[in-house]
Amino acid sequence: AVAARRTCPKCSRRYCYCLPLRTVGSC
């Protein structure tokens, strides 16, 4: 679950922090 929150759905890069997927939708 944490890995899914840190992975961008557009570019598939995994970041060291949770992404704003609800508001922005990507990194």
PDB file of all heavy atoms in Angstrom:
ATOM      1  N   ALA A   1       0.830  -1.210   0.000  1.00  0.00           N
ATOM      2  CA  ALA A   1       0.000   0.000   0.000  1.00  0.00           C
ATOM      3  C   ALA A   1       0.862   1.257   0.000  1.00  0.00           C
ATOM      4  O   ALA A   1       0.588   2.212  -0.726  1.00  0.00           O
ATOM      5  CB  ALA A   1      -0.945  -0.007   1.203  1.00  0.00           C
ATOM      6  N   VAL A   2       1.932   1.251   0.795  1.00  0.00           N
ATOM      7  CA  VAL A   2       2.827   2.406   0.823  1.00  0.00           C
ATOM      8  C   VAL A   2       3.551   2.547  -0.505  1.00  0.00           C
ATOM      9  O   VAL A   2       3.733   3.650  -1.019  1.00  0.00           O
ATOM     10  CB  VAL A   2       3.813   2.288   2.013  1.00  0.00           C
ATOM     11  CG1 VAL A   2       4.915   3.324   1.929  1.00  0.00           C
ATOM     12  CG2 VAL A   2       3.068   2.434   3.312  1.00  0.00           C
ATOM     13  N   ALA A   3       3.941   1.420  -1.107  1.00  0.00           N
ATOM     14  CA  ALA A   3       4.595   1.479  -2.414  1.00  0.00           C
ATOM     15  C   ALA A   3       3.659   2.039  -3.472  1.00  0.00           C
ATOM     16  O   ALA A   3       4.082   2.797  -4.355  1.00  0.00           O
ATOM     17  CB  ALA A   3       5.078   0.090  -2.815  1.00  0.00           C
ATOM     18  N   ALA A   4       2.381   1.711  -3.391  1.00  0.00           N
ATOM     19  CA  ALA A   4       1.416   2.249  -4.351  1.00  0.00           C
ATOM     20  C   ALA A   4       1.225   3.741  -4.161  1.00  0.00           C
ATOM     21  O   ALA A   4       1.027   4.472  -5.144  1.00  0.00           O
ATOM     22  CB  ALA A   4       0.075   1.522  -4.209  1.00  0.00           C
ATOM     23  N   ARG A   5       1.296   4.228  -2.945  1.00  0.00           N
ATOM     24  CA  ARG A   5       1.156   5.670  -2.699  1.00  0.00           C
ATOM     25  C   ARG A   5       2.387   6.442  -3.135  1.00  0.00           C
ATOM     26  O   ARG A   5       2.320   7.635  -3.374  1.00  0.00           O
ATOM     27  CB  ARG A   5       0.908   5.924  -1.210  1.00  0.00           C
ATOM     28  CG  ARG A   5      -0.456   5.459  -0.745  1.00  0.00           C
ATOM     29  CD  ARG A   5      -0.672   5.759   0.695  1.00  0.00           C
ATOM     30  NE  ARG A   5      -0.656   7.200   0.919  1.00  0.00           N
ATOM     31  CZ  ARG A   5      -0.535   7.758   2.116  1.00  0.00           C
ATOM     32  NH1 ARG A   5      -0.410   7.001   3.174  1.00  0.00           N
ATOM     33  NH2 ARG A   5      -0.531   9.060   2.245  1.00  0.00           N
ATOM     34  N   ARG A   6       3.536   5.756  -3.239  1.00  0.00           N
ATOM     35  CA  ARG A   6       4.775   6.422  -3.631  1.00  0.00           C
ATOM     36  C   ARG A   6       5.079   6.293  -5.116  1.00  0.00           C
ATOM     37  O   ARG A   6       6.035   6.883  -5.587  1.00  0.00           O
ATOM     38  CB  ARG A   6       5.942   5.837  -2.837  1.00  0.00           C
ATOM     39  CG  ARG A   6       5.878   6.143  -1.379  1.00  0.00           C
ATOM     40  CD  ARG A   6       7.025   5.525  -0.660  1.00  0.00           C
ATOM     41  NE  ARG A   6       7.054   5.952   0.736  1.00  0.00           N
ATOM     42  CZ  ARG A   6       8.031   5.694   1.554  1.00  0.00           C
ATOM     43  NH1 ARG A   6       9.070   5.007   1.154  1.00  0.00           N
ATOM     44  NH2 ARG A   6       7.976   6.128   2.796  1.00  0.00           N
ATOM     45  N   THR A   7       4.313   5.519  -5.872  1.00  0.00           N
ATOM     46  CA  THR A   7       4.570   5.285  -7.282  1.00  0.00           C
ATOM     47  C   THR A   7       3.650   6.149  -8.133  1.00  0.00           C
ATOM     48  O   THR A   7       2.439   6.170  -7.932  1.00  0.00           O
ATOM     49  CB  THR A   7       4.358   3.802  -7.629  1.00  0.00           C
ATOM     50  OG1 THR A   7       5.169   3.013  -6.762  1.00  0.00           O
ATOM     51  CG2 THR A   7       4.731   3.517  -9.065  1.00  0.00           C
ATOM     52  N   CYS A   8       4.239   6.839  -9.113  1.00  0.00           N
ATOM     53  CA  CYS A   8       3.466   7.693 -10.011  1.00  0.00           C
ATOM     54  C   CYS A   8       2.753   6.815 -11.038  1.00  0.00           C
ATOM     55  O   CYS A   8       3.380   5.957 -11.670  1.00  0.00           O
ATOM     56  CB  CYS A   8       4.393   8.682 -10.712  1.00  0.00           C
ATOM     57  SG  CYS A   8       3.539   9.717 -11.919  1.00  0.00           S
ATOM     58  N   PRO A   9       1.457   6.995 -11.258  1.00  0.00           N
ATOM     59  CA  PRO A   9       0.751   6.160 -12.238  1.00  0.00           C
ATOM     60  C   PRO A   9       1.098   6.500 -13.687  1.00  0.00           C
ATOM     61  O   PRO A   9       0.895   5.677 -14.577  1.00  0.00           O
ATOM     62  CB  PRO A   9      -0.725   6.435 -11.946  1.00  0.00           C
ATOM     63  CG  PRO A   9      -0.755   7.713 -11.213  1.00  0.00           C
ATOM     64  CD  PRO A   9       0.553   7.857 -10.521  1.00  0.00           C
ATOM     65  N   LYS A  10       1.659   7.678 -13.946  1.00  0.00           N
ATOM     66  CA  LYS A  10       1.973   8.081 -15.322  1.00  0.00           C
ATOM     67  C   LYS A  10       3.360   7.615 -15.751  1.00  0.00           C
ATOM     68  O   LYS A  10       3.521   7.056 -16.834  1.00  0.00           O
ATOM     69  CB  LYS A  10       1.855   9.591 -15.472  1.00  0.00           C
ATOM     70  CG  LYS A  10       0.429  10.078 -15.362  1.00  0.00           C
ATOM     71  CD  LYS A  10       0.340  11.558 -15.620  1.00  0.00           C
ATOM     72  CE  LYS A  10      -1.107  12.029 -15.511  1.00  0.00           C
ATOM     73  NZ  LYS A  10      -1.216  13.478 -15.690  1.00  0.00           N
ATOM     74  N   CYS A  11       4.372   7.883 -14.934  1.00  0.00           N
ATOM     75  CA  CYS A  11       5.749   7.560 -15.330  1.00  0.00           C
ATOM     76  C   CYS A  11       6.306   6.323 -14.628  1.00  0.00           C
ATOM     77  O   CYS A  11       7.411   5.889 -14.940  1.00  0.00           O
ATOM     78  CB  CYS A  11       6.661   8.753 -15.077  1.00  0.00           C
ATOM     79  SG  CYS A  11       6.825   9.201 -13.335  1.00  0.00           S
ATOM     80  N   SER A  12       5.601   5.767 -13.687  1.00  0.00           N
ATOM     81  CA  SER A  12       5.977   4.559 -12.939  1.00  0.00           C
ATOM     82  C   SER A  12       7.261   4.720 -12.138  1.00  0.00           C
ATOM     83  O   SER A  12       7.946   3.746 -11.856  1.00  0.00           O
ATOM     84  CB  SER A  12       6.097   3.356 -13.874  1.00  0.00           C
ATOM     85  OG  SER A  12       4.863   3.108 -14.494  1.00  0.00           O
ATOM     86  N   ARG A  13       7.618   5.924 -11.777  1.00  0.00           N
ATOM     87  CA  ARG A  13       8.770   6.145 -10.908  1.00  0.00           C
ATOM     88  C   ARG A  13       8.302   6.074  -9.456  1.00  0.00           C
ATOM     89  O   ARG A  13       7.233   6.546  -9.123  1.00  0.00           O
ATOM     90  CB  ARG A  13       9.391   7.516 -11.171  1.00  0.00           C
ATOM     91  CG  ARG A  13      10.094   7.630 -12.486  1.00  0.00           C
ATOM     92  CD  ARG A  13      10.802   8.976 -12.556  1.00  0.00           C
ATOM     93  NE  ARG A  13      11.345   9.195 -13.867  1.00  0.00           N
ATOM     94  CZ  ARG A  13      10.817  10.011 -14.772  1.00  0.00           C
ATOM     95  NH1 ARG A  13       9.734  10.697 -14.486  1.00  0.00           N
ATOM     96  NH2 ARG A  13      11.373  10.155 -15.950  1.00  0.00           N
ATOM     97  N   ARG A  14       9.159   5.501  -8.617  1.00  0.00           N
ATOM     98  CA  ARG A  14       8.836   5.422  -7.194  1.00  0.00           C
ATOM     99  C   ARG A  14       9.652   6.471  -6.454  1.00  0.00           C
ATOM    100  O   ARG A  14      10.859   6.546  -6.602  1.00  0.00           O
ATOM    101  CB  ARG A  14       9.139   4.045  -6.627  1.00  0.00           C
ATOM    102  CG  ARG A  14       8.726   3.954  -5.157  1.00  0.00           C
ATOM    103  CD  ARG A  14       8.960   2.637  -4.550  1.00  0.00           C
ATOM    104  NE  ARG A  14       8.054   1.674  -5.126  1.00  0.00           N
ATOM    105  CZ  ARG A  14       8.049   0.383  -4.810  1.00  0.00           C
ATOM    106  NH1 ARG A  14       8.909  -0.079  -3.944  1.00  0.00           N
ATOM    107  NH2 ARG A  14       7.198  -0.433  -5.370  1.00  0.00           N
ATOM    108  N   TYR A  15       8.969   7.265  -5.646  1.00  0.00           N
ATOM    109  CA  TYR A  15       9.600   8.352  -4.922  1.00  0.00           C
ATOM    110  C   TYR A  15       9.793   7.974  -3.465  1.00  0.00           C
ATOM    111  O   TYR A  15       9.247   6.986  -2.989  1.00  0.00           O
ATOM    112  CB  TYR A  15       8.751   9.627  -5.045  1.00  0.00           C
ATOM    113  CG  TYR A  15       8.814  10.217  -6.434  1.00  0.00           C
ATOM    114  CD1 TYR A  15       7.984   9.756  -7.442  1.00  0.00           C
ATOM    115  CD2 TYR A  15       9.715  11.218  -6.732  1.00  0.00           C
ATOM    116  CE1 TYR A  15       8.056  10.276  -8.717  1.00  0.00           C
ATOM    117  CE2 TYR A  15       9.784  11.757  -8.002  1.00  0.00           C
ATOM    118  CZ  TYR A  15       8.955  11.279  -8.992  1.00  0.00           C
ATOM    119  OH  TYR A  15       9.046  11.795 -10.242  1.00  0.00           O
ATOM    120  N   CYS A  16      10.559   8.783  -2.743  1.00  0.00           N
ATOM    121  CA  CYS A  16      10.856   8.542  -1.328  1.00  0.00           C
ATOM    122  C   CYS A  16       9.779   9.104  -0.408  1.00  0.00           C
ATOM    123  O   CYS A  16       9.939   9.074   0.800  1.00  0.00           O
ATOM    124  CB  CYS A  16      12.197   9.166  -0.961  1.00  0.00           C
ATOM    125  SG  CYS A  16      13.569   8.534  -1.917  1.00  0.00           S
ATOM    126  N   TYR A  17       8.712   9.642  -0.961  1.00  0.00           N
ATOM    127  CA  TYR A  17       7.638  10.245  -0.181  1.00  0.00           C
ATOM    128  C   TYR A  17       6.306   9.912  -0.859  1.00  0.00           C
ATOM    129  O   TYR A  17       6.273   9.515  -2.023  1.00  0.00           O
ATOM    130  CB  TYR A  17       7.823  11.770  -0.086  1.00  0.00           C
ATOM    131  CG  TYR A  17       7.970  12.443  -1.425  1.00  0.00           C
ATOM    132  CD1 TYR A  17       6.856  12.898  -2.117  1.00  0.00           C
ATOM    133  CD2 TYR A  17       9.215  12.622  -2.004  1.00  0.00           C
ATOM    134  CE1 TYR A  17       6.987  13.505  -3.354  1.00  0.00           C
ATOM    135  CE2 TYR A  17       9.364  13.233  -3.233  1.00  0.00           C
ATOM    136  CZ  TYR A  17       8.248  13.668  -3.902  1.00  0.00           C
ATOM    137  OH  TYR A  17       8.373  14.256  -5.122  1.00  0.00           O
ATOM    138  N   CYS A  18       5.229  10.044  -0.140  1.00  0.00           N
ATOM    139  CA  CYS A  18       3.913   9.754  -0.695  1.00  0.00           C
ATOM    140  C   CYS A  18       3.499  10.888  -1.632  1.00  0.00           C
ATOM    141  O   CYS A  18       3.673  12.062  -1.319  1.00  0.00           O
ATOM    142  CB  CYS A  18       2.877   9.572   0.423  1.00  0.00           C
ATOM    143  SG  CYS A  18       3.180   8.102   1.389  1.00  0.00           S
ATOM    144  N   LEU A  19       2.937  10.523  -2.763  1.00  0.00           N
ATOM    145  CA  LEU A  19       2.577  11.498  -3.791  1.00  0.00           C
ATOM    146  C   LEU A  19       1.164  12.021  -3.571  1.00  0.00           C
ATOM    147  O   LEU A  19       0.310  11.310  -3.026  1.00  0.00           O
ATOM    148  CB  LEU A  19       2.673  10.847  -5.173  1.00  0.00           C
ATOM    149  CG  LEU A  19       4.057  10.331  -5.554  1.00  0.00           C
ATOM    150  CD1 LEU A  19       3.986   9.568  -6.866  1.00  0.00           C
ATOM    151  CD2 LEU A  19       5.031  11.471  -5.661  1.00  0.00           C
ATOM    152  N   PRO A  20       0.874  13.236  -4.023  1.00  0.00           N
ATOM    153  CA  PRO A  20      -0.488  13.788  -3.898  1.00  0.00           C
ATOM    154  C   PRO A  20      -1.401  13.244  -4.999  1.00  0.00           C
ATOM    155  O   PRO A  20      -1.815  13.968  -5.899  1.00  0.00           O
ATOM    156  CB  PRO A  20      -0.260  15.293  -4.023  1.00  0.00           C
ATOM    157  CG  PRO A  20       0.945  15.405  -4.886  1.00  0.00           C
ATOM    158  CD  PRO A  20       1.809  14.223  -4.558  1.00  0.00           C
ATOM    159  N   LEU A  21      -1.713  11.963  -4.943  1.00  0.00           N
ATOM    160  CA  LEU A  21      -2.456  11.323  -6.027  1.00  0.00           C
ATOM    161  C   LEU A  21      -3.920  11.735  -6.063  1.00  0.00           C
ATOM    162  O   LEU A  21      -4.542  11.718  -7.115  1.00  0.00           O
ATOM    163  CB  LEU A  21      -2.328   9.810  -5.918  1.00  0.00           C
ATOM    164  CG  LEU A  21      -0.897   9.274  -6.060  1.00  0.00           C
ATOM    165  CD1 LEU A  21      -0.875   7.767  -5.897  1.00  0.00           C
ATOM    166  CD2 LEU A  21      -0.307   9.662  -7.403  1.00  0.00           C
ATOM    167  N   ARG A  22      -4.494  12.103  -4.929  1.00  0.00           N
ATOM    168  CA  ARG A  22      -5.907  12.521  -4.934  1.00  0.00           C
ATOM    169  C   ARG A  22      -6.088  13.914  -5.518  1.00  0.00           C
ATOM    170  O   ARG A  22      -7.062  14.173  -6.206  1.00  0.00           O
ATOM    171  CB  ARG A  22      -6.481  12.495  -3.526  1.00  0.00           C
ATOM    172  CG  ARG A  22      -6.752  11.112  -3.034  1.00  0.00           C
ATOM    173  CD  ARG A  22      -7.528  11.168  -1.748  1.00  0.00           C
ATOM    174  NE  ARG A  22      -7.805   9.831  -1.287  1.00  0.00           N
ATOM    175  CZ  ARG A  22      -8.485   9.551  -0.214  1.00  0.00           C
ATOM    176  NH1 ARG A  22      -8.966  10.527   0.526  1.00  0.00           N
ATOM    177  NH2 ARG A  22      -8.706   8.314   0.136  1.00  0.00           N
ATOM    178  N   THR A  23      -5.158  14.805  -5.226  1.00  0.00           N
ATOM    179  CA  THR A  23      -5.319  16.186  -5.683  1.00  0.00           C
ATOM    180  C   THR A  23      -4.696  16.410  -7.051  1.00  0.00           C
ATOM    181  O   THR A  23      -5.313  17.010  -7.925  1.00  0.00           O
ATOM    182  CB  THR A  23      -4.706  17.161  -4.671  1.00  0.00           C
ATOM    183  OG1 THR A  23      -3.335  16.816  -4.469  1.00  0.00           O
ATOM    184  CG2 THR A  23      -5.445  17.114  -3.351  1.00  0.00           C
ATOM    185  N   VAL A  24      -3.464  15.936  -7.262  1.00  0.00           N
ATOM    186  CA  VAL A  24      -2.770  16.188  -8.521  1.00  0.00           C
ATOM    187  C   VAL A  24      -2.917  15.004  -9.461  1.00  0.00           C
ATOM    188  O   VAL A  24      -3.076  15.177 -10.665  1.00  0.00           O
ATOM    189  CB  VAL A  24      -1.278  16.506  -8.249  1.00  0.00           C
ATOM    190  CG1 VAL A  24      -0.522  16.750  -9.537  1.00  0.00           C
ATOM    191  CG2 VAL A  24      -1.155  17.692  -7.330  1.00  0.00           C
ATOM    192  N   GLY A  25      -2.843  13.801  -8.946  1.00  0.00           N
ATOM    193  CA  GLY A  25      -3.013  12.606  -9.764  1.00  0.00           C
ATOM    194  C   GLY A  25      -1.716  12.025 -10.280  1.00  0.00           C
ATOM    195  O   GLY A  25      -1.717  10.968 -10.896  1.00  0.00           O
ATOM    196  N   SER A  26      -0.589  12.689 -10.051  1.00  0.00           N
ATOM    197  CA  SER A  26       0.701  12.188 -10.506  1.00  0.00           C
ATOM    198  C   SER A  26       1.794  12.878  -9.694  1.00  0.00           C
ATOM    199  O   SER A  26       1.527  13.705  -8.832  1.00  0.00           O
ATOM    200  CB  SER A  26       0.889  12.468 -11.999  1.00  0.00           C
ATOM    201  OG  SER A  26       0.898  13.862 -12.223  1.00  0.00           O
ATOM    202  N   CYS A  27       3.039  12.560 -10.057  1.00  0.00           N
ATOM    203  CA  CYS A  27       4.154  13.217  -9.391  1.00  0.00           C
ATOM    204  C   CYS A  27       4.289  14.638  -9.928  1.00  0.00           C
ATOM    205  O   CYS A  27       3.714  14.986 -10.964  1.00  0.00           O
ATOM    206  CB  CYS A  27       5.441  12.423  -9.605  1.00  0.00           C
ATOM    207  SG  CYS A  27       5.967  12.298 -11.308  1.00  0.00           S
TER     208      CYS A  27
END
